[in-house]
C-alpha atoms as a PDB file:
ATOM      1  CA  MET A   1       0.050  -0.067  -0.080  1.00  0.00           C
ATOM      2  CA  THR A   2       1.649   3.684  -0.559  1.00  0.00           C
ATOM      3  CA  THR A   3       1.663   5.947   1.293  1.00  0.00           C
ATOM      4  CA  ASN A   4      -0.256   8.784   1.450  1.00  0.00           C
ATOM      5  CA  ILE A   5       0.796  11.193   3.911  1.00  0.00           C
ATOM      6  CA  GLY A   6       0.410  14.704   2.431  1.00  0.00           C
ATOM      7  CA  ILE A   7       4.462  14.817   1.446  1.00  0.00           C
ATOM      8  CA  SER A   8       5.146  13.798  -2.227  1.00  0.00           C
ATOM      9  CA  ASP A   9       6.957  10.533  -2.577  1.00  0.00           C
ATOM     10  CA  ILE A  10      10.125  12.143  -3.776  1.00  0.00           C
ATOM     11  CA  ASN A  11      10.040  14.407  -0.897  1.00  0.00           C
ATOM     12  CA  ARG A  12       9.175  11.396   1.589  1.00  0.00           C
ATOM     13  CA  GLN A  13      12.195   9.638   0.160  1.00  0.00           C
ATOM     14  CA  ALA A  14      14.946  12.566   0.499  1.00  0.00           C
ATOM     15  CA  VAL A  15      13.109  12.939   4.025  1.00  0.00           C
ATOM     16  CA  ALA A  16      14.469   9.303   4.126  1.00  0.00           C
ATOM     17  CA  ASP A  17      17.515   9.456   3.179  1.00  0.00           C
ATOM     18  CA  GLU A  18      18.335  12.353   5.532  1.00  0.00           C
ATOM     19  CA  LEU A  19      17.497  10.337   8.831  1.00  0.00           C
ATOM     20  CA  SER A  20      19.508   7.335   7.783  1.00  0.00           C
ATOM     21  CA  LYS A  21      22.300   9.390   7.965  1.00  0.00           C
ATOM     22  CA  ILE A  22      21.118  10.910  12.079  1.00  0.00           C
ATOM     23  CA  LEU A  23      20.702   6.962  12.125  1.00  0.00           C
ATOM     24  CA  ALA A  24      24.252   6.119  11.340  1.00  0.00           C
ATOM     25  CA  ASP A  25      25.390   8.616  13.461  1.00  0.00           C
ATOM     26  CA  GLU A  26      22.837   8.214  16.290  1.00  0.00           C
ATOM     27  CA  PHE A  27      24.030   4.269  16.352  1.00  0.00           C
ATOM     28  CA  VAL A  28      28.017   4.977  16.095  1.00  0.00           C
ATOM     29  CA  LEU A  29      27.825   6.938  19.124  1.00  0.00           C
ATOM     30  CA  TYR A  30      26.310   4.067  20.788  1.00  0.00           C
ATOM     31  CA  THR A  31      28.339   1.543  20.619  1.00  0.00           C
ATOM     32  CA  LYS A  32      30.754   4.375  21.773  1.00  0.00           C
ATOM     33  CA  THR A  33      28.666   4.899  24.647  1.00  0.00           C
ATOM     34  CA  LYS A  34      28.593   0.984  24.958  1.00  0.00           C
ATOM     35  CA  ASN A  35      32.096   0.233  24.637  1.00  0.00           C
ATOM     36  CA  ALA A  36      32.691   3.633  27.444  1.00  0.00           C
ATOM     37  CA  HIS A  37      30.125   1.654  29.805  1.00  0.00           C
ATOM     38  CA  TRP A  38      31.940  -1.740  29.440  1.00  0.00           C
ATOM     39  CA  ASN A  39      35.836   0.055  28.787  1.00  0.00           C
ATOM     40  CA  VAL A  40      35.496   2.596  31.927  1.00  0.00           C
ATOM     41  CA  GLU A  41      38.624   2.224  33.545  1.00  0.00           C
ATOM     42  CA  GLY A  42      39.212   4.132  37.608  1.00  0.00           C
ATOM     43  CA  ILE A  43      38.525   5.005  41.206  1.00  0.00           C
ATOM     44  CA  ASP A  44      35.169   6.301  39.448  1.00  0.00           C
ATOM     45  CA  PHE A  45      34.738   2.712  37.769  1.00  0.00           C
ATOM     46  CA  TYR A  46      31.065   1.737  38.957  1.00  0.00           C
ATOM     47  CA  ASP A  47      29.354   5.179  39.150  1.00  0.00           C
ATOM     48  CA  LYS A  48      30.629   6.165  35.722  1.00  0.00           C
ATOM     49  CA  HIS A  49      29.641   2.553  34.410  1.00  0.00           C
ATOM     50  CA  LYS A  50      26.404   3.076  35.788  1.00  0.00           C
ATOM     51  CA  PHE A  51      26.321   7.196  33.847  1.00  0.00           C
ATOM     52  CA  PHE A  52      26.914   5.692  30.577  1.00  0.00           C
ATOM     53  CA  GLU A  53      24.961   2.815  30.983  1.00  0.00           C
ATOM     54  CA  MET A  54      21.953   5.121  31.191  1.00  0.00           C
ATOM     55  CA  GLN A  55      23.431   7.000  27.830  1.00  0.00           C
ATOM     56  CA  PHE A  56      23.766   4.051  25.644  1.00  0.00           C
ATOM     57  CA  GLU A  57      19.802   3.511  26.946  1.00  0.00           C
ATOM     58  CA  GLN A  58      19.314   6.738  26.002  1.00  0.00           C
ATOM     59  CA  LEU A  59      20.617   5.943  23.087  1.00  0.00           C
ATOM     60  CA  ASP A  60      19.376   2.736  21.993  1.00  0.00           C
ATOM     61  CA  ASP A  61      15.366   4.743  22.113  1.00  0.00           C
ATOM     62  CA  ILE A  62      16.842   7.413  19.891  1.00  0.00           C
ATOM     63  CA  VAL A  63      18.271   4.603  16.873  1.00  0.00           C
ATOM     64  CA  ASP A  64      14.883   2.787  17.622  1.00  0.00           C
ATOM     65  CA  SER A  65      12.548   5.978  16.941  1.00  0.00           C
ATOM     66  CA  ILE A  66      14.403   6.987  14.188  1.00  0.00           C
ATOM     67  CA  ALA A  67      13.521   4.185  12.833  1.00  0.00           C
ATOM     68  CA  GLU A  68      10.499   3.509  13.302  1.00  0.00           C
ATOM     69  CA  ARG A  69       9.925   7.643  11.797  1.00  0.00           C
ATOM     70  CA  ILE A  70      11.599   6.318   8.780  1.00  0.00           C
ATOM     71  CA  ARG A  71       8.913   3.108   8.628  1.00  0.00           C
ATOM     72  CA  SER A  72       6.118   6.044   9.001  1.00  0.00           C
ATOM     73  CA  LEU A  73       6.872   8.141   6.221  1.00  0.00           C
ATOM     74  CA  GLY A  74       6.827   4.390   3.846  1.00  0.00           C
ATOM     75  CA  HIS A  75      10.753   3.204   3.848  1.00  0.00           C
ATOM     76  CA  HIS A  76      12.819   0.989   5.211  1.00  0.00           C
ATOM     77  CA  ALA A  77      15.777   1.658   8.075  1.00  0.00           C
ATOM     78  CA  PRO A  78      18.807   0.935   6.892  1.00  0.00           C
ATOM     79  CA  ALA A  79      19.601  -1.982   9.182  1.00  0.00           C
ATOM     80  CA  THR A  80      23.297  -2.963   8.949  1.00  0.00           C
ATOM     81  CA  LEU A  81      26.894  -2.148  10.295  1.00  0.00           C
ATOM     82  CA  LYS A  82      27.827  -1.555   6.413  1.00  0.00           C
ATOM     83  CA  ILE A  83      25.729   0.590   5.374  1.00  0.00           C
ATOM     84  CA  PHE A  84      25.981   2.593   9.466  1.00  0.00           C
ATOM     85  CA  LEU A  85      29.539   3.153   8.735  1.00  0.00           C
ATOM     86  CA  ASP A  86      28.754   4.554   4.860  1.00  0.00           C
ATOM     87  CA  LEU A  87      26.643   6.624   5.994  1.00  0.00           C
ATOM     88  CA  THR A  88      27.615   8.334   9.167  1.00  0.00           C
ATOM     89  CA  ARG A  89      29.641  11.874   9.457  1.00  0.00           C
ATOM     90  CA  PHE A  90      31.553   9.764  12.824  1.00  0.00           C
ATOM     91  CA  SER A  91      34.898   7.500  12.765  1.00  0.00           C
ATOM     92  CA  GLU A  92      34.663   4.744  15.298  1.00  0.00           C
ATOM     93  CA  SER A  93      38.286   5.561  16.873  1.00  0.00           C
ATOM     94  CA  GLY A  94      38.336   8.577  19.191  1.00  0.00           C
ATOM     95  CA  ASN A  95      39.666   6.728  22.212  1.00  0.00           C
ATOM     96  CA  ASP A  96      42.595   5.278  23.773  1.00  0.00           C
ATOM     97  CA  LYS A  97      42.579   6.532  26.493  1.00  0.00           C
ATOM     98  CA  LYS A  98      39.598   4.123  29.339  1.00  0.00           C
ATOM     99  CA  ASP A  99      38.883   6.748  32.010  1.00  0.00           C
ATOM    100  CA  SER A 100      35.796   8.456  32.254  1.00  0.00           C
ATOM    101  CA  ARG A 101      37.064  12.003  31.487  1.00  0.00           C
ATOM    102  CA  SER A 102      38.518  10.826  28.560  1.00  0.00           C
ATOM    103  CA  PHE A 103      35.278   9.317  27.404  1.00  0.00           C
ATOM    104  CA  ALA A 104      33.024  11.992  28.680  1.00  0.00           C
ATOM    105  CA  ALA A 105      35.252  14.133  26.942  1.00  0.00           C
ATOM    106  CA  HIS A 106      35.162  11.918  22.898  1.00  0.00           C
ATOM    107  CA  LEU A 107      31.179  11.166  23.775  1.00  0.00           C
ATOM    108  CA  LEU A 108      30.637  14.828  23.964  1.00  0.00           C
ATOM    109  CA  LEU A 109      32.340  15.618  20.534  1.00  0.00           C
ATOM    110  CA  ASP A 110      30.011  13.357  18.558  1.00  0.00           C
ATOM    111  CA  HIS A 111      26.360  14.849  20.692  1.00  0.00           C
ATOM    112  CA  GLU A 112      27.699  18.269  19.916  1.00  0.00           C
ATOM    113  CA  GLN A 113      28.271  17.261  16.218  1.00  0.00           C
ATOM    114  CA  ILE A 114      24.912  15.330  15.889  1.00  0.00           C
ATOM    115  CA  ILE A 115      23.514  18.827  17.915  1.00  0.00           C
ATOM    116  CA  ARG A 116      24.640  21.130  15.185  1.00  0.00           C
ATOM    117  CA  VAL A 117      23.769  18.887  12.075  1.00  0.00           C
ATOM    118  CA  LEU A 118      20.130  18.213  13.407  1.00  0.00           C
ATOM    119  CA  ARG A 119      19.912  22.119  13.738  1.00  0.00           C
ATOM    120  CA  GLU A 120      20.863  22.527  10.212  1.00  0.00           C
ATOM    121  CA  LYS A 121      18.239  19.971   9.154  1.00  0.00           C
ATOM    122  CA  ILE A 122      15.489  21.598  11.029  1.00  0.00           C
ATOM    123  CA  GLY A 123      14.444  24.066   9.201  1.00  0.00           C
ATOM    124  CA  ARG A 124      14.871  21.944   5.920  1.00  0.00           C
ATOM    125  CA  PHE A 125      12.754  19.237   6.749  1.00  0.00           C
ATOM    126  CA  THR A 126      10.226  22.121   7.042  1.00  0.00           C
ATOM    127  CA  GLU A 127      10.491  24.304   3.941  1.00  0.00           C
ATOM    128  CA  ASP A 128      12.233  21.981   1.332  1.00  0.00           C
ATOM    129  CA  PHE A 129      10.970  18.571   2.273  1.00  0.00           C
ATOM    130  CA  ASN A 130       7.048  19.933   3.653  1.00  0.00           C
ATOM    131  CA  ASP A 131       7.524  17.645   6.646  1.00  0.00           C
ATOM    132  CA  LEU A 132       6.718  19.311   9.723  1.00  0.00           C
ATOM    133  CA  GLY A 133       6.346  16.156  11.469  1.00  0.00           C
ATOM    134  CA  THR A 134       9.972  15.222  11.060  1.00  0.00           C
ATOM    135  CA  SER A 135      10.977  18.711  11.955  1.00  0.00           C
ATOM    136  CA  ASP A 136       9.041  18.654  15.513  1.00  0.00           C
ATOM    137  CA  PHE A 137      10.768  15.236  15.660  1.00  0.00           C
ATOM    138  CA  ILE A 138      14.376  16.036  15.157  1.00  0.00           C
ATOM    139  CA  THR A 139      13.562  19.311  17.251  1.00  0.00           C
ATOM    140  CA  GLY A 140      13.398  16.683  19.648  1.00  0.00           C
ATOM    141  CA  LEU A 141      16.089  15.036  19.641  1.00  0.00           C
ATOM    142  CA  MET A 142      18.248  17.986  19.420  1.00  0.00           C
ATOM    143  CA  ARG A 143      16.759  18.981  22.949  1.00  0.00           C
ATOM    144  CA  ASP A 144      17.254  14.968  24.281  1.00  0.00           C
ATOM    145  CA  HIS A 145      21.119  15.364  23.095  1.00  0.00           C
ATOM    146  CA  GLU A 146      20.999  18.745  24.155  1.00  0.00           C
ATOM    147  CA  LYS A 147      20.353  17.297  28.011  1.00  0.00           C
ATOM    148  CA  MET A 148      23.042  14.726  27.443  1.00  0.00           C
ATOM    149  CA  ALA A 149      25.793  16.549  26.352  1.00  0.00           C
ATOM    150  CA  TRP A 150      25.111  18.847  29.420  1.00  0.00           C
ATOM    151  CA  PHE A 151      25.704  15.787  31.748  1.00  0.00           C
ATOM    152  CA  LEU A 152      28.504  14.641  29.695  1.00  0.00           C
ATOM    153  CA  ARG A 153      30.366  17.994  30.189  1.00  0.00           C
ATOM    154  CA  THR A 154      29.727  17.644  33.883  1.00  0.00           C
ATOM    155  CA  GLN A 155      31.661  15.095  33.689  1.00  0.00           C
ATOM    156  CA  ILE A 156      35.146  16.287  32.212  1.00  0.00           C
END
């Protein structure tokens, strides 16, 4: 059955493509946060282990919501590591140190990059693609990342 929600097929495809890139970024950030959770070392291990767990659980919800948004537009979400690595703006590497401050600093940079990307896309989804729903959706994602970034800043 075709999707008829008041957005042209071309625009729905363009939005799905942009969301797929954001999904890839989020999945790589999720993986990097899981790495911090698993591998953090130091006297503050338990506290930071729990802190990074809270963050990766939030990112898991974000990843799922983006994939569902893509599906609601009538498209399939990318779902392989290869595709994510092809689409992401991030590098898998980044942190050789295993202390909580190093992990937090590296993750903060990625959150801030996602925030900038989302902020730039808000108007584009509305103005270029006539998709106020996705614009509103990524505004919420941006707020979530701003809060997560704030929490990371307190750890550095």
